[in-house]
C-alpha atoms as a PDB file:
ATOM      1  CA  MET A   1       0.228   0.163  -0.260  1.00  0.00           C
ATOM      2  CA  ASN A   2       0.881   3.429  -0.650  1.00  0.00           C
ATOM      3  CA  ARG A   3       2.530   5.091   2.624  1.00  0.00           C
ATOM      4  CA  SER A   4       0.558   7.867   2.571  1.00  0.00           C
ATOM      5  CA  TRP A   5      -2.771   5.684   2.666  1.00  0.00           C
ATOM      6  CA  THR A   6      -1.721   2.797   5.410  1.00  0.00           C
ATOM      7  CA  VAL A   7      -4.734   1.035   7.052  1.00  0.00           C
ATOM      8  CA  GLU A   8      -5.412   3.760   9.818  1.00  0.00           C
ATOM      9  CA  ARG A   9      -5.561   6.435   6.987  1.00  0.00           C
ATOM     10  CA  LEU A  10      -8.727   4.988   4.955  1.00  0.00           C
ATOM     11  CA  GLU A  11     -10.451   4.657   8.266  1.00  0.00           C
ATOM     12  CA  GLN A  12      -9.354   8.417   9.964  1.00  0.00           C
ATOM     13  CA  LEU A  13     -10.943   9.212   6.131  1.00  0.00           C
ATOM     14  CA  GLN A  14     -14.202   7.180   6.472  1.00  0.00           C
ATOM     15  CA  GLN A  15     -14.654   8.194  10.260  1.00  0.00           C
ATOM     16  CA  SER A  16     -14.652  12.025   9.337  1.00  0.00           C
ATOM     17  CA  PHE A  17     -17.651  11.349   6.901  1.00  0.00           C
ATOM     18  CA  ALA A  18     -19.968  12.538   9.525  1.00  0.00           C
ATOM     19  CA  ASP A  19     -22.818  10.665   8.111  1.00  0.00           C
ATOM     20  CA  PRO A  20     -21.707   7.807   5.864  1.00  0.00           C
ATOM     21  CA  HIS A  21     -25.623   7.938   4.018  1.00  0.00           C
ATOM     22  CA  ASP A  22     -24.795  11.724   3.418  1.00  0.00           C
ATOM     23  CA  ALA A  23     -23.177  11.189  -0.168  1.00  0.00           C
ATOM     24  CA  GLU A  24     -23.413  15.395  -0.724  1.00  0.00           C
ATOM     25  CA  ALA A  25     -21.281  15.970   2.431  1.00  0.00           C
ATOM     26  CA  ILE A  26     -18.620  13.514   1.936  1.00  0.00           C
ATOM     27  CA  LEU A  27     -17.909  14.601  -1.623  1.00  0.00           C
ATOM     28  CA  GLN A  28     -17.292  18.078  -0.456  1.00  0.00           C
ATOM     29  CA  ALA A  29     -15.178  16.289   2.201  1.00  0.00           C
ATOM     30  CA  LEU A  30     -12.927  14.483  -0.426  1.00  0.00           C
ATOM     31  CA  PRO A  31     -10.963  17.671  -1.419  1.00  0.00           C
ATOM     32  CA  ALA A  32      -9.599  18.683   2.176  1.00  0.00           C
ATOM     33  CA  TRP A  33      -7.768  15.172   1.746  1.00  0.00           C
ATOM     34  CA  PHE A  34      -5.991  15.477  -1.488  1.00  0.00           C
ATOM     35  CA  PRO A  35      -4.003  17.402  -3.815  1.00  0.00           C
ATOM     36  CA  GLU A  36      -5.613  19.550  -6.235  1.00  0.00           C
ATOM     37  CA  GLN A  37      -6.398  18.076  -9.442  1.00  0.00           C
ATOM     38  CA  THR A  38      -6.172  14.595  -8.211  1.00  0.00           C
ATOM     39  CA  LEU A  39      -9.765  13.643  -7.344  1.00  0.00           C
ATOM     40  CA  CYS A  40     -12.246  12.463 -10.123  1.00  0.00           C
ATOM     41  CA  PHE A  41     -14.872  10.729 -10.505  1.00  0.00           C
ATOM     42  CA  SER A  42     -15.803   7.496 -13.287  1.00  0.00           C
ATOM     43  CA  SER A  43     -19.111   7.806 -14.726  1.00  0.00           C
ATOM     44  CA  SER A  44     -20.585   4.899 -17.142  1.00  0.00           C
ATOM     45  CA  LEU A  45     -24.281   7.877 -16.983  1.00  0.00           C
ATOM     46  CA  GLY A  46     -25.940   5.531 -15.230  1.00  0.00           C
ATOM     47  CA  TRP A  47     -28.996   6.908 -12.788  1.00  0.00           C
ATOM     48  CA  GLU A  48     -26.053   6.609  -9.775  1.00  0.00           C
ATOM     49  CA  ASP A  49     -23.789   8.710 -11.537  1.00  0.00           C
ATOM     50  CA  GLN A  50     -25.969  11.569 -12.531  1.00  0.00           C
ATOM     51  CA  VAL A  51     -27.072  11.902  -9.066  1.00  0.00           C
ATOM     52  CA  ILE A  52     -22.764  12.435  -8.407  1.00  0.00           C
ATOM     53  CA  THR A  53     -22.889  14.167 -11.615  1.00  0.00           C
ATOM     54  CA  ASP A  54     -25.610  16.502 -10.243  1.00  0.00           C
ATOM     55  CA  MET A  55     -24.098  16.764  -6.736  1.00  0.00           C
ATOM     56  CA  ILE A  56     -20.466  17.635  -8.360  1.00  0.00           C
ATOM     57  CA  TRP A  57     -20.957  20.350 -10.818  1.00  0.00           C
ATOM     58  CA  LYS A  58     -23.538  22.444  -8.771  1.00  0.00           C
ATOM     59  CA  GLN A  59     -21.058  22.651  -5.970  1.00  0.00           C
ATOM     60  CA  GLN A  60     -18.531  23.861  -8.292  1.00  0.00           C
ATOM     61  CA  LEU A  61     -16.388  20.561  -6.600  1.00  0.00           C
ATOM     62  CA  PRO A  62     -12.643  20.313  -7.876  1.00  0.00           C
ATOM     63  CA  ILE A  63     -13.717  16.433  -9.021  1.00  0.00           C
ATOM     64  CA  ALA A  64     -13.161  15.305 -12.661  1.00  0.00           C
ATOM     65  CA  ILE A  65     -15.465  13.518 -14.087  1.00  0.00           C
ATOM     66  CA  PHE A  66     -14.965  11.090 -16.859  1.00  0.00           C
ATOM     67  CA  THR A  67     -16.982   8.595 -18.589  1.00  0.00           C
ATOM     68  CA  LEU A  68     -15.571   5.625 -21.151  1.00  0.00           C
ATOM     69  CA  ASP A  69     -16.869   5.546 -24.336  1.00  0.00           C
ATOM     70  CA  THR A  70     -16.209   1.607 -25.481  1.00  0.00           C
ATOM     71  CA  GLY A  71     -18.167   2.496 -29.045  1.00  0.00           C
ATOM     72  CA  ARG A  72     -20.497   0.053 -28.283  1.00  0.00           C
ATOM     73  CA  LEU A  73     -22.722   2.555 -26.918  1.00  0.00           C
ATOM     74  CA  PHE A  74     -26.891   2.771 -26.938  1.00  0.00           C
ATOM     75  CA  PRO A  75     -27.897   5.867 -29.155  1.00  0.00           C
ATOM     76  CA  GLU A  76     -29.462   7.237 -25.721  1.00  0.00           C
ATOM     77  CA  THR A  77     -25.966   7.244 -23.966  1.00  0.00           C
ATOM     78  CA  TYR A  78     -24.692   9.515 -26.655  1.00  0.00           C
ATOM     79  CA  SER A  79     -28.242  12.142 -26.691  1.00  0.00           C
ATOM     80  CA  LEU A  80     -27.286  12.063 -22.319  1.00  0.00           C
ATOM     81  CA  MET A  81     -24.076  13.519 -22.930  1.00  0.00           C
ATOM     82  CA  GLU A  82     -25.166  16.110 -25.338  1.00  0.00           C
ATOM     83  CA  ARG A  83     -28.260  16.891 -23.043  1.00  0.00           C
ATOM     84  CA  LEU A  84     -25.378  16.986 -19.907  1.00  0.00           C
ATOM     85  CA  PHE A  85     -24.205  20.149 -21.968  1.00  0.00           C
ATOM     86  CA  GLU A  86     -27.284  21.457 -22.340  1.00  0.00           C
ATOM     87  CA  HIS A  87     -28.604  21.213 -18.835  1.00  0.00           C
ATOM     88  CA  TYR A  88     -25.081  21.980 -17.232  1.00  0.00           C
ATOM     89  CA  GLY A  89     -22.917  23.718 -19.972  1.00  0.00           C
ATOM     90  CA  LYS A  90     -20.329  20.968 -19.521  1.00  0.00           C
ATOM     91  CA  ARG A  91     -18.790  18.673 -20.725  1.00  0.00           C
ATOM     92  CA  ILE A  92     -17.552  14.500 -19.367  1.00  0.00           C
ATOM     93  CA  ARG A  93     -14.186  13.997 -20.212  1.00  0.00           C
ATOM     94  CA  VAL A  94     -14.408  11.241 -22.715  1.00  0.00           C
ATOM     95  CA  TYR A  95     -12.048   8.441 -22.847  1.00  0.00           C
ATOM     96  CA  PHE A  96     -11.873   5.272 -25.561  1.00  0.00           C
ATOM     97  CA  PRO A  97      -9.607   2.391 -25.967  1.00  0.00           C
ATOM     98  CA  GLU A  98      -7.227   2.349 -28.518  1.00  0.00           C
ATOM     99  CA  ALA A  99      -7.696   1.545 -32.187  1.00  0.00           C
ATOM    100  CA  ALA A 100      -5.041  -0.488 -32.852  1.00  0.00           C
ATOM    101  CA  ASP A 101      -6.553  -3.244 -29.719  1.00  0.00           C
ATOM    102  CA  VAL A 102     -10.248  -3.438 -31.049  1.00  0.00           C
ATOM    103  CA  GLU A 103      -8.901  -3.816 -34.489  1.00  0.00           C
ATOM    104  CA  GLN A 104      -6.901  -6.707 -33.848  1.00  0.00           C
ATOM    105  CA  LEU A 105      -9.821  -8.378 -31.547  1.00  0.00           C
ATOM    106  CA  VAL A 106     -12.731  -7.873 -34.228  1.00  0.00           C
ATOM    107  CA  ASN A 107     -10.079  -9.211 -36.425  1.00  0.00           C
ATOM    108  CA  GLU A 108      -9.046 -11.909 -34.783  1.00  0.00           C
ATOM    109  CA  LYS A 109     -12.684 -12.830 -33.129  1.00  0.00           C
ATOM    110  CA  GLY A 110     -14.771 -11.068 -34.666  1.00  0.00           C
ATOM    111  CA  PRO A 111     -17.180  -8.291 -33.920  1.00  0.00           C
ATOM    112  CA  ASN A 112     -19.676  -9.846 -31.263  1.00  0.00           C
ATOM    113  CA  CYS A 113     -17.021 -12.710 -29.808  1.00  0.00           C
ATOM    114  CA  PHE A 114     -17.987 -12.123 -26.282  1.00  0.00           C
ATOM    115  CA  TYR A 115     -21.202 -14.158 -26.532  1.00  0.00           C
ATOM    116  CA  GLU A 116     -18.473 -16.688 -27.211  1.00  0.00           C
ATOM    117  CA  SER A 117     -17.255 -16.974 -23.910  1.00  0.00           C
ATOM    118  CA  VAL A 118     -16.454 -15.849 -20.840  1.00  0.00           C
ATOM    119  CA  GLU A 119     -12.777 -15.483 -22.071  1.00  0.00           C
ATOM    120  CA  ASN A 120     -13.532 -13.787 -25.152  1.00  0.00           C
ATOM    121  CA  ARG A 121     -16.079 -11.304 -23.253  1.00  0.00           C
ATOM    122  CA  LYS A 122     -13.744 -10.239 -20.658  1.00  0.00           C
ATOM    123  CA  LEU A 123     -11.264  -9.907 -23.193  1.00  0.00           C
ATOM    124  CA  CYS A 124     -13.214  -7.495 -24.938  1.00  0.00           C
ATOM    125  CA  CYS A 125     -13.803  -5.890 -21.323  1.00  0.00           C
ATOM    126  CA  TYR A 126     -10.264  -4.941 -21.403  1.00  0.00           C
ATOM    127  CA  ILE A 127      -9.820  -3.761 -23.715  1.00  0.00           C
ATOM    128  CA  ARG A 128     -12.394  -1.668 -24.248  1.00  0.00           C
ATOM    129  CA  LYS A 129     -12.941  -0.524 -20.479  1.00  0.00           C
ATOM    130  CA  VAL A 130     -10.312  -1.650 -18.496  1.00  0.00           C
ATOM    131  CA  LYS A 131      -6.960  -0.398 -20.167  1.00  0.00           C
ATOM    132  CA  PRO A 132      -9.152   3.350 -20.649  1.00  0.00           C
ATOM    133  CA  LEU A 133      -9.823   3.204 -17.211  1.00  0.00           C
ATOM    134  CA  ALA A 134      -6.028   2.799 -17.037  1.00  0.00           C
ATOM    135  CA  ARG A 135      -5.021   6.245 -18.702  1.00  0.00           C
ATOM    136  CA  ALA A 136      -8.184   7.845 -17.116  1.00  0.00           C
ATOM    137  CA  LEU A 137      -6.733   7.226 -13.391  1.00  0.00           C
ATOM    138  CA  GLN A 138      -2.798   7.961 -14.443  1.00  0.00           C
ATOM    139  CA  GLY A 139      -2.034  11.032 -11.867  1.00  0.00           C
ATOM    140  CA  MET A 140      -5.554  10.461  -9.704  1.00  0.00           C
ATOM    141  CA  GLN A 141      -5.166   9.645  -5.649  1.00  0.00           C
ATOM    142  CA  CYS A 142      -9.002   8.845  -5.034  1.00  0.00           C
ATOM    143  CA  TRP A 143     -11.425   7.701  -7.599  1.00  0.00           C
ATOM    144  CA  ILE A 144     -14.952   8.053  -6.577  1.00  0.00           C
ATOM    145  CA  THR A 145     -17.655   5.585  -8.283  1.00  0.00           C
ATOM    146  CA  GLY A 146     -21.442   5.172  -8.092  1.00  0.00           C
ATOM    147  CA  ILE A 147     -21.232   1.737  -6.702  1.00  0.00           C
ATOM    148  CA  ARG A 148     -23.968   1.013  -4.775  1.00  0.00           C
ATOM    149  CA  ALA A 149     -23.799  -2.270  -2.289  1.00  0.00           C
ATOM    150  CA  GLU A 150     -27.830  -3.678  -3.346  1.00  0.00           C
ATOM    151  CA  GLN A 151     -26.932  -3.601  -7.110  1.00  0.00           C
ATOM    152  CA  SER A 152     -25.189  -7.331  -6.285  1.00  0.00           C
ATOM    153  CA  PRO A 153     -23.879 -10.117  -3.601  1.00  0.00           C
ATOM    154  CA  GLU A 154     -20.345  -8.950  -4.861  1.00  0.00           C
ATOM    155  CA  ARG A 155     -20.963  -5.579  -4.482  1.00  0.00           C
ATOM    156  CA  SER A 156     -23.142  -5.556  -1.139  1.00  0.00           C
ATOM    157  CA  HIS A 157     -19.950  -6.253   0.778  1.00  0.00           C
ATOM    158  CA  LEU A 158     -17.407  -3.044  -0.403  1.00  0.00           C
ATOM    159  CA  PRO A 159     -16.293  -0.751   1.943  1.00  0.00           C
ATOM    160  CA  GLN A 160     -16.796   2.740   1.539  1.00  0.00           C
ATOM    161  CA  VAL A 161     -13.395   3.645   1.367  1.00  0.00           C
ATOM    162  CA  GLU A 162     -11.057   1.269  -0.010  1.00  0.00           C
ATOM    163  CA  TRP A 163      -7.122   0.611  -1.071  1.00  0.00           C
ATOM    164  CA  ASP A 164      -7.185  -0.187  -4.951  1.00  0.00           C
ATOM    165  CA  GLU A 165      -3.819  -1.908  -5.007  1.00  0.00           C
ATOM    166  CA  THR A 166      -4.392  -2.079  -9.107  1.00  0.00           C
ATOM    167  CA  HIS A 167      -4.696   1.861  -9.891  1.00  0.00           C
ATOM    168  CA  GLN A 168      -2.899   3.196  -6.328  1.00  0.00           C
ATOM    169  CA  VAL A 169      -5.355   5.043  -5.745  1.00  0.00           C
ATOM    170  CA  VAL A 170      -8.295   5.702  -2.931  1.00  0.00           C
ATOM    171  CA  LYS A 171     -11.450   4.569  -3.801  1.00  0.00           C
ATOM    172  CA  VAL A 172     -14.551   6.158  -2.554  1.00  0.00           C
ATOM    173  CA  HIS A 173     -18.517   5.026  -2.952  1.00  0.00           C
ATOM    174  CA  PRO A 174     -20.355   7.970  -1.728  1.00  0.00           C
ATOM    175  CA  LEU A 175     -24.047   6.166  -2.445  1.00  0.00           C
ATOM    176  CA  LEU A 176     -22.657   2.612  -1.629  1.00  0.00           C
ATOM    177  CA  HIS A 177     -25.516   2.906   1.151  1.00  0.00           C
ATOM    178  CA  TRP A 178     -28.615   4.398  -0.998  1.00  0.00           C
ATOM    179  CA  THR A 179     -31.841   2.256  -2.113  1.00  0.00           C
ATOM    180  CA  LEU A 180     -32.742   2.596  -5.967  1.00  0.00           C
ATOM    181  CA  ASP A 181     -35.991   4.310  -4.557  1.00  0.00           C
ATOM    182  CA  GLU A 182     -33.246   7.396  -2.829  1.00  0.00           C
ATOM    183  CA  VAL A 183     -31.502   7.763  -5.988  1.00  0.00           C
ATOM    184  CA  LYS A 184     -35.022   7.899  -8.676  1.00  0.00           C
ATOM    185  CA  ALA A 185     -36.142  10.464  -5.824  1.00  0.00           C
ATOM    186  CA  TYR A 186     -32.863  12.291  -6.387  1.00  0.00           C
ATOM    187  CA  ILE A 187     -33.391  12.289  -9.990  1.00  0.00           C
ATOM    188  CA  ARG A 188     -37.265  13.335  -9.672  1.00  0.00           C
ATOM    189  CA  GLU A 189     -37.057  16.218  -6.758  1.00  0.00           C
ATOM    190  CA  HIS A 190     -33.407  17.768  -8.521  1.00  0.00           C
ATOM    191  CA  HIS A 191     -34.386  17.639 -12.702  1.00  0.00           C
ATOM    192  CA  VAL A 192     -31.616  15.780 -13.028  1.00  0.00           C
ATOM    193  CA  PRO A 193     -30.938  14.513 -17.140  1.00  0.00           C
ATOM    194  CA  TYR A 194     -31.646  10.745 -17.239  1.00  0.00           C
ATOM    195  CA  ASN A 195     -30.567   8.038 -19.384  1.00  0.00           C
ATOM    196  CA  PRO A 196     -34.254   6.849 -21.075  1.00  0.00           C
ATOM    197  CA  LEU A 197     -33.259   3.042 -21.100  1.00  0.00           C
ATOM    198  CA  HIS A 198     -34.404   3.373 -17.900  1.00  0.00           C
ATOM    199  CA  ASP A 199     -38.119   3.700 -17.922  1.00  0.00           C
ATOM    200  CA  LYS A 200     -38.192   0.769 -20.206  1.00  0.00           C
ATOM    201  CA  GLY A 201     -36.355  -1.452 -17.252  1.00  0.00           C
ATOM    202  CA  PHE A 202     -32.634  -1.294 -17.864  1.00  0.00           C
ATOM    203  CA  VAL A 203     -31.169  -0.346 -14.884  1.00  0.00           C
ATOM    204  CA  SER A 204     -28.215  -0.774 -15.169  1.00  0.00           C
ATOM    205  CA  ILE A 205     -26.619   0.212 -18.548  1.00  0.00           C
ATOM    206  CA  GLY A 206     -23.872  -0.503 -20.177  1.00  0.00           C
ATOM    207  CA  CYS A 207     -23.134  -1.570 -24.201  1.00  0.00           C
ATOM    208  CA  ALA A 208     -26.075  -2.072 -26.481  1.00  0.00           C
ATOM    209  CA  PRO A 209     -24.958  -5.845 -27.112  1.00  0.00           C
ATOM    210  CA  CYS A 210     -24.347  -6.659 -23.369  1.00  0.00           C
ATOM    211  CA  THR A 211     -27.047  -5.071 -22.181  1.00  0.00           C
ATOM    212  CA  ARG A 212     -30.742  -5.751 -21.866  1.00  0.00           C
ATOM    213  CA  ALA A 213     -33.705  -4.618 -19.769  1.00  0.00           C
ATOM    214  CA  ILE A 214     -34.382  -7.093 -16.159  1.00  0.00           C
ATOM    215  CA  ARG A 215     -37.143  -8.986 -15.490  1.00  0.00           C
ATOM    216  CA  PRO A 216     -39.527  -8.370 -12.209  1.00  0.00           C
ATOM    217  CA  GLY A 217     -37.564 -10.278  -9.370  1.00  0.00           C
ATOM    218  CA  GLU A 218     -34.351  -9.824 -11.464  1.00  0.00           C
ATOM    219  CA  ASP A 219     -30.525  -8.808  -9.777  1.00  0.00           C
ATOM    220  CA  TYR A 220     -29.973  -5.411 -10.750  1.00  0.00           C
ATOM    221  CA  ARG A 221     -27.366  -6.380 -13.161  1.00  0.00           C
ATOM    222  CA  ALA A 222     -28.867  -9.362 -14.593  1.00  0.00           C
ATOM    223  CA  GLY A 223     -29.293  -7.250 -17.582  1.00  0.00           C
ATOM    224  CA  ARG A 224     -25.789  -7.567 -18.178  1.00  0.00           C
ATOM    225  CA  TRP A 225     -23.656 -10.287 -19.824  1.00  0.00           C
ATOM    226  CA  TRP A 226     -27.252 -12.370 -19.232  1.00  0.00           C
ATOM    227  CA  TRP A 227     -25.995 -15.010 -21.237  1.00  0.00           C
ATOM    228  CA  GLU A 228     -23.380 -15.517 -18.363  1.00  0.00           C
ATOM    229  CA  ASP A 229     -23.057 -17.786 -14.447  1.00  0.00           C
ATOM    230  CA  GLN A 230     -24.311 -14.384 -12.479  1.00  0.00           C
ATOM    231  CA  THR A 231     -21.260 -15.166 -10.085  1.00  0.00           C
ATOM    232  CA  LYS A 232     -19.379 -13.512 -13.769  1.00  0.00           C
ATOM    233  CA  LYS A 233     -20.752 -10.235 -13.849  1.00  0.00           C
ATOM    234  CA  GLU A 234     -17.805  -7.788 -13.390  1.00  0.00           C
ATOM    235  CA  CYS A 235     -16.106  -6.139 -16.543  1.00  0.00           C
ATOM    236  CA  GLY A 236     -13.333  -5.736 -14.055  1.00  0.00           C
ATOM    237  CA  LEU A 237     -13.265  -2.357 -13.389  1.00  0.00           C
ATOM    238  CA  HIS A 238     -14.385  -2.790  -9.817  1.00  0.00           C
ATOM    239  CA  ILE A 239     -12.331  -6.734  -8.606  1.00  0.00           C
ATOM    240  CA  ALA A 240      -9.201  -5.218  -7.646  1.00  0.00           C
ATOM    241  CA  PRO A 241      -7.204  -6.172  -4.916  1.00  0.00           C
ATOM    242  CA  THR A 242      -8.263  -3.839  -2.211  1.00  0.00           C
ATOM    243  CA  ALA A 243      -7.584  -2.849   1.171  1.00  0.00           C
ATOM    244  CA  SER A 244     -10.319  -1.396   3.481  1.00  0.00           C
ATOM    245  CA  ALA A 245     -10.653   1.090   5.686  1.00  0.00           C
END
C-alpha cells in the first residue's frame, strides 16, 4: 500500500464522514484530503452517476468527471452526453480504447466474440474499458464511483472507502448505502437528466450488445451479460484487490 494511505489513514477518512449516507457531504469533504487535480469521478452515465455528477457540478467541486466510450454504447447514452452539456454547460471527459487493440480483437475474434465465451467477453471489456480506465486514473489519488451495495451480491460487501492496489488510488463510494428508490427520488426532485432506457426496464446500462432490460424480481445487474453465470457479472473495473477501512 502507498505509505501515505495506511489502513489507519483509510479509517480516518471513513470516520470523517459524519453520515455515511450523506453523499453530498462526503463529496464536499474529499478535496481537503487530496492535492488539487487528483480527484476524479468515473461515470457510466447511469442513474447513480447522474446523481453524483449533479452534486459535483452544482457545488463546483474540484473533481474531474470522465466516462469510457467503448464504441458500443446505446444511441440514448450518446444523446445523454449532449443533454448534460445543455443542462450544465459542461462536458464530461471521454476516454476511448486504443484503435489498434479494437482492430486486432475484431479481426481475430469477430465483432461479437463476447457471446462465445467468458474469456472473450473479459478480453473485450479489458480492451474497451479496463485499459482506458488505467489511462484516465493516471496521476489521480482519489477515484470516486457510483457503486451501491444493493446492486449485486459482490458489491454488497464493499466498504465505503478502500485502497485500489491495481491503480494505487483511494476509492470512495458516496452512494454505497443508497437504495434505488432514493436515487430515483433525487433524480426527480433535482430534475437531473437521465438515460430514457431506465424507463424501459434497463436498470444497469452498459454496451448495447451486452445489456438488456431486467425482469421483475431479477438482480439489478441481471441485464448485463445475461448469457453468463451470475457469479461472473463484472467487467473488471471494480474487482481489483483492495484494502479497506
